[in-house]
Amino acid sequence: MMATTNELNASTPPANVYEGNGQLSVAVPLPGAHPDHVTVELAPQRLDVVAECKYPQENQRYLRRDWQVGSWRLRLELPRRVDPATGRATLNLGVLVVMAQFSEVGGAARSLEVQSAPTAVPDTRE
């Protein structure tokens, strides 16, 4: 697969990896990403994430800039083998969470469709 110019200029986001209930979870902050512009490929021992920001921030006149909105690329070796067939990916409030069940066997790598998590409606009752 050929890398696009944005992929070559992409930053690597941080990732939190944790386990519970027989599954491995990876949380990755992707400011400015939209589910339609994020690709996730899950293999038994590797996670690949590419996110393209379609709303570049180069024209902003920043007074302070501690984090970026842009293109992201992550290749993460997983600490335990997972079954890609059980994988799911959700993007909510700028954080991508990828989850999959542990597996001794693994399975074929697969692309995951990134879902938008439902947004909670604030309770305005008193």
C-alpha atoms as a PDB file:
ATOM      1  CA  MET A   1       0.000   0.000   0.000  1.00  0.00           C
ATOM      2  CA  MET A   2       1.399   3.412  -0.983  1.00  0.00           C
ATOM      3  CA  ALA A   3       1.533   6.033   1.757  1.00  0.00           C
ATOM      4  CA  THR A   4      -0.168   9.341   1.049  1.00  0.00           C
ATOM      5  CA  THR A   5       1.581  12.636   1.746  1.00  0.00           C
ATOM      6  CA  ASN A   6      -0.571  13.092   4.855  1.00  0.00           C
ATOM      7  CA  GLU A   7       0.382   9.628   6.131  1.00  0.00           C
ATOM      8  CA  LEU A   8       4.069  10.458   5.707  1.00  0.00           C
ATOM      9  CA  ASN A   9       3.555  13.656   7.721  1.00  0.00           C
ATOM     10  CA  ALA A  10       1.309  11.994  10.304  1.00  0.00           C
ATOM     11  CA  SER A  11       2.050  12.093  14.009  1.00  0.00           C
ATOM     12  CA  THR A  12       2.011   9.057  16.273  1.00  0.00           C
ATOM     13  CA  PRO A  13      -0.664   9.409  18.961  1.00  0.00           C
ATOM     14  CA  PRO A  14      -0.245   8.029  22.484  1.00  0.00           C
ATOM     15  CA  ALA A  15      -2.108   4.826  23.368  1.00  0.00           C
ATOM     16  CA  ASN A  16      -3.397   3.237  26.563  1.00  0.00           C
ATOM     17  CA  VAL A  17      -3.547  -0.570  26.465  1.00  0.00           C
ATOM     18  CA  TYR A  18      -5.517  -2.417  29.128  1.00  0.00           C
ATOM     19  CA  GLU A  19      -7.232  -5.743  29.719  1.00  0.00           C
ATOM     20  CA  GLY A  20     -10.376  -6.901  31.432  1.00  0.00           C
ATOM     21  CA  ASN A  21     -13.248  -9.357  30.980  1.00  0.00           C
ATOM     22  CA  GLY A  22     -11.167 -11.566  28.695  1.00  0.00           C
ATOM     23  CA  GLN A  23     -10.404  -8.847  26.195  1.00  0.00           C
ATOM     24  CA  LEU A  24      -7.675  -6.391  25.272  1.00  0.00           C
ATOM     25  CA  SER A  25      -8.608  -2.725  24.796  1.00  0.00           C
ATOM     26  CA  VAL A  26      -6.587   0.083  23.224  1.00  0.00           C
ATOM     27  CA  ALA A  27      -7.614   3.737  23.679  1.00  0.00           C
ATOM     28  CA  VAL A  28      -6.090   6.296  21.287  1.00  0.00           C
ATOM     29  CA  PRO A  29      -6.849  10.050  21.321  1.00  0.00           C
ATOM     30  CA  LEU A  30      -7.439  11.326  17.776  1.00  0.00           C
ATOM     31  CA  PRO A  31      -8.407  15.019  18.023  1.00  0.00           C
ATOM     32  CA  GLY A  32     -10.334  16.190  14.990  1.00  0.00           C
ATOM     33  CA  ALA A  33     -10.882  12.694  13.555  1.00  0.00           C
ATOM     34  CA  HIS A  34     -14.207  11.561  12.126  1.00  0.00           C
ATOM     35  CA  PRO A  35     -15.149   7.843  11.926  1.00  0.00           C
ATOM     36  CA  ASP A  36     -15.372   8.053   8.117  1.00  0.00           C
ATOM     37  CA  HIS A  37     -11.718   9.130   7.943  1.00  0.00           C
ATOM     38  CA  VAL A  38     -10.228   6.520  10.290  1.00  0.00           C
ATOM     39  CA  THR A  39      -9.013   3.097   9.168  1.00  0.00           C
ATOM     40  CA  VAL A  40      -8.301   0.340  11.663  1.00  0.00           C
ATOM     41  CA  GLU A  41      -6.613  -2.949  10.843  1.00  0.00           C
ATOM     42  CA  LEU A  42      -6.404  -5.563  13.577  1.00  0.00           C
ATOM     43  CA  ALA A  43      -4.104  -8.599  13.431  1.00  0.00           C
ATOM     44  CA  PRO A  44      -3.609 -11.136  16.241  1.00  0.00           C
ATOM     45  CA  GLN A  45      -0.537  -9.309  17.548  1.00  0.00           C
ATOM     46  CA  ARG A  46      -0.718  -5.864  15.899  1.00  0.00           C
ATOM     47  CA  LEU A  47      -3.022  -2.859  15.582  1.00  0.00           C
ATOM     48  CA  ASP A  48      -2.702  -0.310  12.772  1.00  0.00           C
ATOM     49  CA  VAL A  49      -4.614   2.985  12.857  1.00  0.00           C
ATOM     50  CA  VAL A  50      -4.566   5.744  10.243  1.00  0.00           C
ATOM     51  CA  ALA A  51      -6.654   8.891  10.743  1.00  0.00           C
ATOM     52  CA  GLU A  52      -6.898  11.732   8.257  1.00  0.00           C
ATOM     53  CA  CYS A  53      -8.082  15.107   9.484  1.00  0.00           C
ATOM     54  CA  LYS A  54     -10.104  16.751   6.747  1.00  0.00           C
ATOM     55  CA  TYR A  55     -10.095  20.122   8.510  1.00  0.00           C
ATOM     56  CA  PRO A  56      -6.476  21.311   8.651  1.00  0.00           C
ATOM     57  CA  GLN A  57      -5.552  23.891  11.238  1.00  0.00           C
ATOM     58  CA  GLU A  58      -2.637  25.599   9.445  1.00  0.00           C
ATOM     59  CA  ASN A  59      -4.557  28.858   8.983  1.00  0.00           C
ATOM     60  CA  GLN A  60      -5.324  29.284  12.673  1.00  0.00           C
ATOM     61  CA  ARG A  61      -3.546  32.081  14.538  1.00  0.00           C
ATOM     62  CA  TYR A  62      -2.664  30.216  17.716  1.00  0.00           C
ATOM     63  CA  LEU A  63      -1.849  32.028  20.928  1.00  0.00           C
ATOM     64  CA  ARG A  64      -1.090  28.694  22.572  1.00  0.00           C
ATOM     65  CA  ARG A  65      -1.013  25.251  20.986  1.00  0.00           C
ATOM     66  CA  ASP A  66      -0.475  22.250  23.232  1.00  0.00           C
ATOM     67  CA  TRP A  67      -2.013  19.593  20.978  1.00  0.00           C
ATOM     68  CA  GLN A  68      -2.626  19.175  17.293  1.00  0.00           C
ATOM     69  CA  VAL A  69      -5.522  18.364  15.064  1.00  0.00           C
ATOM     70  CA  GLY A  70      -4.186  16.508  12.082  1.00  0.00           C
ATOM     71  CA  SER A  71      -3.253  13.210  10.568  1.00  0.00           C
ATOM     72  CA  TRP A  72      -2.353  10.314  12.843  1.00  0.00           C
ATOM     73  CA  ARG A  73      -0.664   6.978  12.251  1.00  0.00           C
ATOM     74  CA  LEU A  74      -0.169   4.248  14.862  1.00  0.00           C
ATOM     75  CA  ARG A  75       1.384   0.791  14.498  1.00  0.00           C
ATOM     76  CA  LEU A  76       1.185  -0.977  17.843  1.00  0.00           C
ATOM     77  CA  GLU A  77       2.498  -4.434  18.701  1.00  0.00           C
ATOM     78  CA  LEU A  78      -0.043  -5.953  21.078  1.00  0.00           C
ATOM     79  CA  PRO A  79       1.169  -7.493  24.368  1.00  0.00           C
ATOM     80  CA  ARG A  80      -1.187 -10.492  24.022  1.00  0.00           C
ATOM     81  CA  ARG A  81      -2.675 -12.331  21.053  1.00  0.00           C
ATOM     82  CA  VAL A  82      -6.290 -11.431  20.138  1.00  0.00           C
ATOM     83  CA  ASP A  83      -8.896 -12.787  17.729  1.00  0.00           C
ATOM     84  CA  PRO A  84      -9.453 -10.106  15.052  1.00  0.00           C
ATOM     85  CA  ALA A  85     -12.881 -11.605  14.248  1.00  0.00           C
ATOM     86  CA  THR A  86     -14.096 -10.348  17.655  1.00  0.00           C
ATOM     87  CA  GLY A  87     -12.651  -6.853  17.161  1.00  0.00           C
ATOM     88  CA  ARG A  88     -14.692  -3.674  17.280  1.00  0.00           C
ATOM     89  CA  ALA A  89     -13.716  -0.011  17.053  1.00  0.00           C
ATOM     90  CA  THR A  90     -15.595   2.997  18.418  1.00  0.00           C
ATOM     91  CA  LEU A  91     -14.760   6.710  18.115  1.00  0.00           C
ATOM     92  CA  ASN A  92     -16.362   8.939  20.725  1.00  0.00           C
ATOM     93  CA  LEU A  93     -15.405  12.487  21.722  1.00  0.00           C
ATOM     94  CA  GLY A  94     -12.079  12.230  19.877  1.00  0.00           C
ATOM     95  CA  VAL A  95     -10.979   8.934  21.460  1.00  0.00           C
ATOM     96  CA  LEU A  96     -10.780   5.721  19.430  1.00  0.00           C
ATOM     97  CA  VAL A  97     -11.260   2.515  21.439  1.00  0.00           C
ATOM     98  CA  VAL A  98     -10.443  -0.824  19.826  1.00  0.00           C
ATOM     99  CA  MET A  99     -11.410  -4.017  21.684  1.00  0.00           C
ATOM    100  CA  ALA A 100     -10.942  -7.726  20.923  1.00  0.00           C
ATOM    101  CA  GLN A 101     -11.151 -11.002  22.831  1.00  0.00           C
ATOM    102  CA  PHE A 102      -7.927 -12.770  23.831  1.00  0.00           C
ATOM    103  CA  SER A 103      -7.094 -15.827  21.736  1.00  0.00           C
ATOM    104  CA  GLU A 104      -4.339 -18.428  21.788  1.00  0.00           C
ATOM    105  CA  VAL A 105      -4.871 -19.097  18.077  1.00  0.00           C
ATOM    106  CA  GLY A 106      -5.428 -15.570  16.741  1.00  0.00           C
ATOM    107  CA  GLY A 107      -6.967 -15.442  13.283  1.00  0.00           C
ATOM    108  CA  ALA A 108      -6.682 -13.531  10.031  1.00  0.00           C
ATOM    109  CA  ALA A 109      -6.062  -9.789  10.130  1.00  0.00           C
ATOM    110  CA  ARG A 110      -9.114  -7.723   9.268  1.00  0.00           C
ATOM    111  CA  SER A 111     -10.233  -4.150   8.801  1.00  0.00           C
ATOM    112  CA  LEU A 112     -12.672  -2.878  11.408  1.00  0.00           C
ATOM    113  CA  GLU A 113     -15.456  -0.428  10.659  1.00  0.00           C
ATOM    114  CA  VAL A 114     -15.186   2.512  13.042  1.00  0.00           C
ATOM    115  CA  GLN A 115     -18.502   3.185  14.759  1.00  0.00           C
ATOM    116  CA  SER A 116     -19.594   6.454  16.364  1.00  0.00           C
ATOM    117  CA  ALA A 117     -20.595   5.935  19.973  1.00  0.00           C
ATOM    118  CA  PRO A 118     -24.050   7.284  20.791  1.00  0.00           C
ATOM    119  CA  THR A 119     -23.868  10.644  22.496  1.00  0.00           C
ATOM    120  CA  ALA A 120     -25.602  10.861  25.834  1.00  0.00           C
ATOM    121  CA  VAL A 121     -28.294  13.497  26.108  1.00  0.00           C
ATOM    122  CA  PRO A 122     -27.862  15.555  29.271  1.00  0.00           C
ATOM    123  CA  ASP A 123     -30.609  15.137  31.857  1.00  0.00           C
ATOM    124  CA  THR A 124     -32.088  18.609  32.369  1.00  0.00           C
ATOM    125  CA  ARG A 125     -34.673  17.550  34.946  1.00  0.00           C
ATOM    126  CA  GLU A 126     -34.350  19.020  38.395  1.00  0.00           C
END
